[in-house]
Amino acid sequence: MKTAILATGALLATSALAAPGTAARWANHAARRAGRRSGFRLPAEENGIVAETNGTSKNVEYSSNWAGAVLSSTGFTSVVGTITVPTPKSTGKSASASAWVGIDGDTCGTAILQTGLDFTISASGAVSYDAWYEWYPDYAYDFSGFPVKGGDSVKITVTASSKAAGVATLQNLTTGKSVSHSFSSETNKLCQYDAEWIVEDYESGGALVTFANFDSVTFTSARPSRAVPPSASPVLASSTSSRAALS
């Protein structure tokens, strides 16, 4: 069983749209959501980013789009973690990031069963949140009727009932609201090799979005379908402006 700590940089720049008014802003938002999807982990050069597990830098791997932790073994059927929803900080341009848990996508490159939250700040400083589910390589789809705000505690769970079926569930522990989506007969099969707790610079319109400055996201009560050795927790991946942690 292998635990990899993933570190990613904060300066992952692509073009971002700044809308002059409410109608245009929502039109741009809708277009971005229509083309939104996650991706497999991308490699990156080491760039001075710090990643730690129990005070050491063992099993550190660098990525240009993922930060967090991956537990690699076999037979994973469930992954769960709880986050406090962050409030991204304004940098004068539109920026986003995503926090999610999932199965596969690191050592298995056929599919990812995942669900989580996107947090976005516009060029004018307006903050928005989107709750979503995805069986990659299909696009992500938004949940409806699941309001979220900064500071809420949200439990994120994925469960694979087979290599082609599963359930994605979000529970807002602050409001008591929950949503779920069931997948079945998916064409791209899981391997069930990877359990993941990730903050991602996701893709929209064929390019990575501008990465948000969110300070930190910590996945608490993080566990897969099998016990994690004590030496594997906690883990930390950090950058100059944003970080992800697991406990």
C-alpha atoms as a PDB file:
ATOM      1  CA  MET A   1       0.000   0.000   0.000  1.00  0.00           C
ATOM      2  CA  LYS A   2       1.416   3.368  -1.010  1.00  0.00           C
ATOM      3  CA  THR A   3       0.500   6.848   0.131  1.00  0.00           C
ATOM      4  CA  ALA A   4       1.500   9.682  -2.197  1.00  0.00           C
ATOM      5  CA  ILE A   5       1.415  13.309  -1.111  1.00  0.00           C
ATOM      6  CA  LEU A   6       0.708  15.627  -4.010  1.00  0.00           C
ATOM      7  CA  ALA A   7       1.937  19.216  -4.132  1.00  0.00           C
ATOM      8  CA  THR A   8       0.783  21.748  -6.681  1.00  0.00           C
ATOM      9  CA  GLY A   9       1.696  25.343  -7.384  1.00  0.00           C
ATOM     10  CA  ALA A  10      -0.622  28.307  -7.030  1.00  0.00           C
ATOM     11  CA  LEU A  11       0.369  30.031 -10.265  1.00  0.00           C
ATOM     12  CA  LEU A  12      -1.448  27.803 -12.747  1.00  0.00           C
ATOM     13  CA  ALA A  13      -2.529  30.517 -15.117  1.00  0.00           C
ATOM     14  CA  THR A  14      -4.940  30.302 -18.014  1.00  0.00           C
ATOM     15  CA  SER A  15      -7.251  32.905 -19.493  1.00  0.00           C
ATOM     16  CA  ALA A  16     -10.220  33.891 -17.328  1.00  0.00           C
ATOM     17  CA  LEU A  17     -13.410  35.725 -18.225  1.00  0.00           C
ATOM     18  CA  ALA A  18     -14.364  38.910 -16.384  1.00  0.00           C
ATOM     19  CA  ALA A  19     -18.034  39.799 -16.867  1.00  0.00           C
ATOM     20  CA  PRO A  20     -19.132  43.450 -16.767  1.00  0.00           C
ATOM     21  CA  GLY A  21     -22.647  42.794 -15.504  1.00  0.00           C
ATOM     22  CA  THR A  22     -24.875  40.225 -13.828  1.00  0.00           C
ATOM     23  CA  ALA A  23     -26.373  38.773 -17.031  1.00  0.00           C
ATOM     24  CA  ALA A  24     -23.005  38.437 -18.723  1.00  0.00           C
ATOM     25  CA  ARG A  25     -21.452  37.018 -15.569  1.00  0.00           C
ATOM     26  CA  TRP A  26     -24.080  34.301 -15.324  1.00  0.00           C
ATOM     27  CA  ALA A  27     -23.785  33.563 -19.048  1.00  0.00           C
ATOM     28  CA  ASN A  28     -20.053  33.074 -18.615  1.00  0.00           C
ATOM     29  CA  HIS A  29     -20.674  31.006 -15.494  1.00  0.00           C
ATOM     30  CA  ALA A  30     -23.100  28.750 -17.380  1.00  0.00           C
ATOM     31  CA  ALA A  31     -20.647  28.310 -20.246  1.00  0.00           C
ATOM     32  CA  ARG A  32     -17.851  27.444 -17.822  1.00  0.00           C
ATOM     33  CA  ARG A  33     -20.009  24.904 -15.989  1.00  0.00           C
ATOM     34  CA  ALA A  34     -21.057  23.288 -19.279  1.00  0.00           C
ATOM     35  CA  GLY A  35     -17.440  22.575 -20.137  1.00  0.00           C
ATOM     36  CA  ARG A  36     -16.221  21.774 -16.620  1.00  0.00           C
ATOM     37  CA  ARG A  37     -14.519  18.492 -15.865  1.00  0.00           C
ATOM     38  CA  SER A  38     -11.758  17.117 -13.708  1.00  0.00           C
ATOM     39  CA  GLY A  39      -8.706  15.359 -15.037  1.00  0.00           C
ATOM     40  CA  PHE A  40      -6.153  12.704 -14.264  1.00  0.00           C
ATOM     41  CA  ARG A  41      -3.166  13.844 -12.230  1.00  0.00           C
ATOM     42  CA  LEU A  42      -0.615  15.760 -14.318  1.00  0.00           C
ATOM     43  CA  PRO A  43       3.104  15.727 -13.451  1.00  0.00           C
ATOM     44  CA  ALA A  44       5.025  18.889 -12.607  1.00  0.00           C
ATOM     45  CA  GLU A  45       8.593  19.912 -11.928  1.00  0.00           C
ATOM     46  CA  GLU A  46       9.642  20.409  -8.315  1.00  0.00           C
ATOM     47  CA  ASN A  47       9.412  24.096  -7.538  1.00  0.00           C
ATOM     48  CA  GLY A  48      10.100  24.579  -3.860  1.00  0.00           C
ATOM     49  CA  ILE A  49       6.610  23.590  -2.708  1.00  0.00           C
ATOM     50  CA  VAL A  50       6.571  21.857   0.672  1.00  0.00           C
ATOM     51  CA  ALA A  51       4.730  18.603   1.286  1.00  0.00           C
ATOM     52  CA  GLU A  52       4.898  16.675   4.543  1.00  0.00           C
ATOM     53  CA  THR A  53       3.653  13.543   6.252  1.00  0.00           C
ATOM     54  CA  ASN A  54       4.419  13.192   9.955  1.00  0.00           C
ATOM     55  CA  GLY A  55       7.175  15.775   9.632  1.00  0.00           C
ATOM     56  CA  THR A  56       8.939  14.106   6.708  1.00  0.00           C
ATOM     57  CA  SER A  57       8.797  14.477   2.937  1.00  0.00           C
ATOM     58  CA  LYS A  58       8.454  10.793   2.058  1.00  0.00           C
ATOM     59  CA  ASN A  59       6.403   9.765  -0.968  1.00  0.00           C
ATOM     60  CA  VAL A  60       6.101  13.323  -2.239  1.00  0.00           C
ATOM     61  CA  GLU A  61       5.030  13.648  -5.854  1.00  0.00           C
ATOM     62  CA  TYR A  62       4.500  16.890  -7.763  1.00  0.00           C
ATOM     63  CA  SER A  63       1.518  17.734  -9.930  1.00  0.00           C
ATOM     64  CA  SER A  64       0.395  20.757 -11.921  1.00  0.00           C
ATOM     65  CA  ASN A  65      -3.304  20.183 -11.195  1.00  0.00           C
ATOM     66  CA  TRP A  66      -3.713  18.080  -8.004  1.00  0.00           C
ATOM     67  CA  ALA A  67      -2.818  18.699  -4.354  1.00  0.00           C
ATOM     68  CA  GLY A  68      -3.711  16.403  -1.476  1.00  0.00           C
ATOM     69  CA  ALA A  69      -3.226  12.694  -0.852  1.00  0.00           C
ATOM     70  CA  VAL A  70      -3.615   9.425  -2.732  1.00  0.00           C
ATOM     71  CA  LEU A  71      -3.664   5.984  -1.133  1.00  0.00           C
ATOM     72  CA  SER A  72      -2.849   3.308  -3.718  1.00  0.00           C
ATOM     73  CA  SER A  73      -3.630  -0.379  -3.204  1.00  0.00           C
ATOM     74  CA  THR A  74      -6.453  -2.594  -4.508  1.00  0.00           C
ATOM     75  CA  GLY A  75     -10.138  -3.090  -3.888  1.00  0.00           C
ATOM     76  CA  PHE A  76     -11.220   0.367  -2.750  1.00  0.00           C
ATOM     77  CA  THR A  77     -15.004   0.611  -2.580  1.00  0.00           C
ATOM     78  CA  SER A  78     -15.565   3.825  -0.598  1.00  0.00           C
ATOM     79  CA  VAL A  79     -13.787   7.103   0.172  1.00  0.00           C
ATOM     80  CA  VAL A  80     -15.033   9.762   2.597  1.00  0.00           C
ATOM     81  CA  GLY A  81     -13.776  13.078   3.931  1.00  0.00           C
ATOM     82  CA  THR A  82     -15.211  16.224   5.508  1.00  0.00           C
ATOM     83  CA  ILE A  83     -14.128  19.779   4.708  1.00  0.00           C
ATOM     84  CA  THR A  84     -14.853  23.243   6.005  1.00  0.00           C
ATOM     85  CA  VAL A  85     -15.833  25.157   2.876  1.00  0.00           C
ATOM     86  CA  PRO A  86     -13.194  27.829   2.161  1.00  0.00           C
ATOM     87  CA  THR A  87     -13.767  31.401   1.045  1.00  0.00           C
ATOM     88  CA  PRO A  88     -11.436  32.243  -1.862  1.00  0.00           C
ATOM     89  CA  LYS A  89      -9.627  35.566  -1.746  1.00  0.00           C
ATOM     90  CA  SER A  90      -9.821  38.192  -4.454  1.00  0.00           C
ATOM     91  CA  THR A  91      -6.824  38.609  -6.741  1.00  0.00           C
ATOM     92  CA  GLY A  92      -8.505  40.964  -9.209  1.00  0.00           C
ATOM     93  CA  LYS A  93      -9.374  38.222 -11.689  1.00  0.00           C
ATOM     94  CA  SER A  94     -11.707  35.244 -11.906  1.00  0.00           C
ATOM     95  CA  ALA A  95     -10.288  32.122 -10.264  1.00  0.00           C
ATOM     96  CA  SER A  96     -11.545  28.722  -9.111  1.00  0.00           C
ATOM     97  CA  ALA A  97     -10.505  25.530  -7.350  1.00  0.00           C
ATOM     98  CA  SER A  98     -12.195  22.271  -6.458  1.00  0.00           C
ATOM     99  CA  ALA A  99     -12.144  19.981  -3.409  1.00  0.00           C
ATOM    100  CA  TRP A 100     -13.226  16.392  -3.912  1.00  0.00           C
ATOM    101  CA  VAL A 101     -12.835  12.769  -2.915  1.00  0.00           C
ATOM    102  CA  GLY A 102     -12.643   9.994  -5.450  1.00  0.00           C
ATOM    103  CA  ILE A 103     -11.675   6.516  -6.523  1.00  0.00           C
ATOM    104  CA  ASP A 104      -8.978   6.096  -9.219  1.00  0.00           C
ATOM    105  CA  GLY A 105      -7.280   8.548 -11.561  1.00  0.00           C
ATOM    106  CA  ASP A 106      -3.730   8.287 -10.220  1.00  0.00           C
ATOM    107  CA  THR A 107      -2.345   4.804 -10.898  1.00  0.00           C
ATOM    108  CA  CYS A 108      -5.541   3.829 -12.750  1.00  0.00           C
ATOM    109  CA  GLY A 109      -6.075   5.841 -15.925  1.00  0.00           C
ATOM    110  CA  THR A 110      -9.444   4.584 -17.147  1.00  0.00           C
ATOM    111  CA  ALA A 111     -11.963   6.431 -14.956  1.00  0.00           C
ATOM    112  CA  ILE A 112     -12.530   8.462 -11.780  1.00  0.00           C
ATOM    113  CA  LEU A 113     -15.613   8.244  -9.568  1.00  0.00           C
ATOM    114  CA  GLN A 114     -15.678  11.561  -7.730  1.00  0.00           C
ATOM    115  CA  THR A 115     -17.782  14.277  -6.140  1.00  0.00           C
ATOM    116  CA  GLY A 116     -17.063  17.587  -4.470  1.00  0.00           C
ATOM    117  CA  LEU A 117     -17.339  21.360  -4.442  1.00  0.00           C
ATOM    118  CA  ASP A 118     -15.989  24.089  -6.712  1.00  0.00           C
ATOM    119  CA  PHE A 119     -15.301  27.469  -5.141  1.00  0.00           C
ATOM    120  CA  THR A 120     -15.008  30.457  -7.454  1.00  0.00           C
ATOM    121  CA  ILE A 121     -14.306  34.152  -7.070  1.00  0.00           C
ATOM    122  CA  SER A 122     -15.067  36.578  -9.883  1.00  0.00           C
ATOM    123  CA  ALA A 123     -12.920  39.499 -10.967  1.00  0.00           C
ATOM    124  CA  SER A 124     -15.249  41.766  -8.976  1.00  0.00           C
ATOM    125  CA  GLY A 125     -14.846  39.660  -5.823  1.00  0.00           C
ATOM    126  CA  ALA A 126     -18.175  37.778  -5.877  1.00  0.00           C
ATOM    127  CA  VAL A 127     -17.835  34.268  -4.405  1.00  0.00           C
ATOM    128  CA  SER A 128     -19.896  31.307  -5.636  1.00  0.00           C
ATOM    129  CA  TYR A 129     -19.993  27.572  -4.967  1.00  0.00           C
ATOM    130  CA  ASP A 130     -21.019  24.623  -7.132  1.00  0.00           C
ATOM    131  CA  ALA A 131     -21.652  21.079  -5.911  1.00  0.00           C
ATOM    132  CA  TRP A 132     -21.048  18.407  -8.536  1.00  0.00           C
ATOM    133  CA  TYR A 133     -20.636  14.701  -9.321  1.00  0.00           C
ATOM    134  CA  GLU A 134     -18.620  13.047 -12.072  1.00  0.00           C
ATOM    135  CA  TRP A 135     -17.622   9.727 -13.588  1.00  0.00           C
ATOM    136  CA  TYR A 136     -14.593  10.904 -15.533  1.00  0.00           C
ATOM    137  CA  PRO A 137     -13.919  11.075 -18.498  1.00  0.00           C
ATOM    138  CA  ASP A 138     -17.518  12.288 -18.767  1.00  0.00           C
ATOM    139  CA  TYR A 139     -18.086  15.918 -17.767  1.00  0.00           C
ATOM    140  CA  ALA A 140     -19.057  16.984 -14.259  1.00  0.00           C
ATOM    141  CA  TYR A 141     -22.736  17.681 -13.572  1.00  0.00           C
ATOM    142  CA  ASP A 142     -24.028  20.078 -10.938  1.00  0.00           C
ATOM    143  CA  PHE A 143     -26.284  19.070  -8.084  1.00  0.00           C
ATOM    144  CA  SER A 144     -29.331  21.300  -7.619  1.00  0.00           C
ATOM    145  CA  GLY A 145     -30.906  22.336  -4.337  1.00  0.00           C
ATOM    146  CA  PHE A 146     -27.681  22.112  -2.342  1.00  0.00           C
ATOM    147  CA  PRO A 147     -26.806  25.593  -1.042  1.00  0.00           C
ATOM    148  CA  VAL A 148     -23.309  26.051   0.372  1.00  0.00           C
ATOM    149  CA  LYS A 149     -21.476  28.988   1.883  1.00  0.00           C
ATOM    150  CA  GLY A 150     -18.020  29.590   3.285  1.00  0.00           C
ATOM    151  CA  GLY A 151     -17.557  28.004   6.711  1.00  0.00           C
ATOM    152  CA  ASP A 152     -20.090  25.205   6.172  1.00  0.00           C
ATOM    153  CA  SER A 153     -18.984  21.683   7.079  1.00  0.00           C
ATOM    154  CA  VAL A 154     -19.550  19.312   4.149  1.00  0.00           C
ATOM    155  CA  LYS A 155     -19.078  15.536   4.189  1.00  0.00           C
ATOM    156  CA  ILE A 156     -18.060  14.121   0.795  1.00  0.00           C
ATOM    157  CA  THR A 157     -18.487  10.421  -0.018  1.00  0.00           C
ATOM    158  CA  VAL A 158     -18.117   8.158  -3.041  1.00  0.00           C
ATOM    159  CA  THR A 159     -19.021   4.471  -3.019  1.00  0.00           C
ATOM    160  CA  ALA A 160     -18.328   2.015  -5.843  1.00  0.00           C
ATOM    161  CA  SER A 161     -20.727  -0.926  -5.931  1.00  0.00           C
ATOM    162  CA  SER A 162     -18.865  -2.350  -8.934  1.00  0.00           C
ATOM    163  CA  LYS A 163     -16.287  -1.215 -11.468  1.00  0.00           C
ATOM    164  CA  ALA A 164     -19.113   0.344 -13.525  1.00  0.00           C
ATOM    165  CA  ALA A 165     -21.516   1.612 -10.851  1.00  0.00           C
ATOM    166  CA  GLY A 166     -21.531   3.701  -7.708  1.00  0.00           C
ATOM    167  CA  VAL A 167     -22.968   6.592  -5.707  1.00  0.00           C
ATOM    168  CA  ALA A 168     -21.734  10.139  -5.057  1.00  0.00           C
ATOM    169  CA  THR A 169     -23.071  11.876  -1.935  1.00  0.00           C
ATOM    170  CA  LEU A 170     -22.661  15.326  -0.394  1.00  0.00           C
ATOM    171  CA  GLN A 171     -23.966  16.161   3.096  1.00  0.00           C
ATOM    172  CA  ASN A 172     -23.967  19.721   4.412  1.00  0.00           C
ATOM    173  CA  LEU A 173     -23.552  19.014   8.118  1.00  0.00           C
ATOM    174  CA  THR A 174     -24.219  22.680   8.902  1.00  0.00           C
ATOM    175  CA  THR A 175     -27.619  22.910   7.185  1.00  0.00           C
ATOM    176  CA  GLY A 176     -28.667  19.255   7.261  1.00  0.00           C
ATOM    177  CA  LYS A 177     -29.138  19.149   3.477  1.00  0.00           C
ATOM    178  CA  SER A 178     -27.851  16.208   1.420  1.00  0.00           C
ATOM    179  CA  VAL A 179     -27.789  15.190  -2.240  1.00  0.00           C
ATOM    180  CA  SER A 180     -26.668  12.074  -4.070  1.00  0.00           C
ATOM    181  CA  HIS A 181     -26.373  10.660  -7.565  1.00  0.00           C
ATOM    182  CA  SER A 182     -26.240   7.020  -8.651  1.00  0.00           C
ATOM    183  CA  PHE A 183     -24.124   5.837 -11.581  1.00  0.00           C
ATOM    184  CA  SER A 184     -24.764   2.578 -13.434  1.00  0.00           C
ATOM    185  CA  SER A 185     -23.437   0.701 -16.462  1.00  0.00           C
ATOM    186  CA  GLU A 186     -20.602   3.182 -17.033  1.00  0.00           C
ATOM    187  CA  THR A 187     -18.534   2.497 -20.154  1.00  0.00           C
ATOM    188  CA  ASN A 188     -15.199   3.494 -18.630  1.00  0.00           C
ATOM    189  CA  LYS A 189     -14.476   1.055 -15.808  1.00  0.00           C
ATOM    190  CA  LEU A 190     -12.827   1.710 -12.465  1.00  0.00           C
ATOM    191  CA  CYS A 191      -9.776  -0.256 -11.346  1.00  0.00           C
ATOM    192  CA  GLN A 192     -10.415   0.529  -7.642  1.00  0.00           C
ATOM    193  CA  TYR A 193      -6.684   1.093  -7.136  1.00  0.00           C
ATOM    194  CA  ASP A 194      -6.690   4.656  -5.724  1.00  0.00           C
ATOM    195  CA  ALA A 195      -8.414   6.435  -2.827  1.00  0.00           C
ATOM    196  CA  GLU A 196      -8.072  10.216  -3.190  1.00  0.00           C
ATOM    197  CA  TRP A 197      -8.597  13.427  -1.215  1.00  0.00           C
ATOM    198  CA  ILE A 198      -7.794  16.207  -3.664  1.00  0.00           C
ATOM    199  CA  VAL A 199      -7.846  19.946  -4.222  1.00  0.00           C
ATOM    200  CA  GLU A 200      -7.708  20.429  -7.991  1.00  0.00           C
ATOM    201  CA  ASP A 201      -7.115  23.073 -10.593  1.00  0.00           C
ATOM    202  CA  TYR A 202      -9.821  21.673 -12.840  1.00  0.00           C
ATOM    203  CA  GLU A 203     -10.359  22.005 -16.583  1.00  0.00           C
ATOM    204  CA  SER A 204     -12.912  24.163 -18.379  1.00  0.00           C
ATOM    205  CA  GLY A 205     -13.064  24.684 -22.128  1.00  0.00           C
ATOM    206  CA  GLY A 206      -9.999  22.522 -22.683  1.00  0.00           C
ATOM    207  CA  ALA A 207      -7.663  24.415 -20.319  1.00  0.00           C
ATOM    208  CA  LEU A 208      -6.969  24.610 -16.602  1.00  0.00           C
ATOM    209  CA  VAL A 209      -8.846  27.443 -14.902  1.00  0.00           C
ATOM    210  CA  THR A 210      -6.973  30.160 -13.019  1.00  0.00           C
ATOM    211  CA  PHE A 211      -6.257  28.636  -9.611  1.00  0.00           C
ATOM    212  CA  ALA A 212      -7.977  30.313  -6.640  1.00  0.00           C
ATOM    213  CA  ASN A 213      -6.226  31.591  -3.520  1.00  0.00           C
ATOM    214  CA  PHE A 214      -8.146  29.799  -0.766  1.00  0.00           C
ATOM    215  CA  ASP A 215      -5.567  29.544   2.065  1.00  0.00           C
ATOM    216  CA  SER A 216      -6.234  25.917   3.038  1.00  0.00           C
ATOM    217  CA  VAL A 217      -8.594  22.968   2.792  1.00  0.00           C
ATOM    218  CA  THR A 218      -8.360  20.159   5.354  1.00  0.00           C
ATOM    219  CA  PHE A 219     -10.056  16.793   4.830  1.00  0.00           C
ATOM    220  CA  THR A 220     -11.021  15.523   8.304  1.00  0.00           C
ATOM    221  CA  SER A 221     -12.397  12.079   9.216  1.00  0.00           C
ATOM    222  CA  ALA A 222     -10.745  10.964   5.983  1.00  0.00           C
ATOM    223  CA  ARG A 223     -10.953   7.245   5.390  1.00  0.00           C
ATOM    224  CA  PRO A 224     -11.164   4.732   2.524  1.00  0.00           C
ATOM    225  CA  SER A 225     -12.885   1.354   2.509  1.00  0.00           C
ATOM    226  CA  ARG A 226      -9.890  -0.144   4.302  1.00  0.00           C
ATOM    227  CA  ALA A 227      -7.807   1.021   7.274  1.00  0.00           C
ATOM    228  CA  VAL A 228      -5.005   3.505   6.636  1.00  0.00           C
ATOM    229  CA  PRO A 229      -1.741   2.687   8.442  1.00  0.00           C
ATOM    230  CA  PRO A 230      -1.038   5.211  11.233  1.00  0.00           C
ATOM    231  CA  SER A 231       2.134   6.346   9.465  1.00  0.00           C
ATOM    232  CA  ALA A 232       0.069   7.553   6.493  1.00  0.00           C
ATOM    233  CA  SER A 233      -1.823  10.296   8.346  1.00  0.00           C
ATOM    234  CA  PRO A 234      -1.834  13.249   8.508  1.00  0.00           C
ATOM    235  CA  VAL A 235      -0.457  14.474   5.205  1.00  0.00           C
ATOM    236  CA  LEU A 236       0.021  17.979   3.882  1.00  0.00           C
ATOM    237  CA  ALA A 237       0.589  19.545   0.496  1.00  0.00           C
ATOM    238  CA  SER A 238       1.172  23.274   0.454  1.00  0.00           C
ATOM    239  CA  SER A 239       2.026  26.153  -1.849  1.00  0.00           C
ATOM    240  CA  THR A 240       2.698  29.851  -1.471  1.00  0.00           C
ATOM    241  CA  SER A 241      -1.003  30.750  -1.282  1.00  0.00           C
ATOM    242  CA  SER A 242      -3.130  27.603  -0.990  1.00  0.00           C
ATOM    243  CA  ARG A 243      -2.808  24.188   0.558  1.00  0.00           C
ATOM    244  CA  ALA A 244      -4.590  20.898   1.129  1.00  0.00           C
ATOM    245  CA  ALA A 245      -4.301  18.707   4.211  1.00  0.00           C
ATOM    246  CA  LEU A 246      -5.577  15.305   5.329  1.00  0.00           C
ATOM    247  CA  SER A 247      -6.295  14.182   8.877  1.00  0.00           C
END
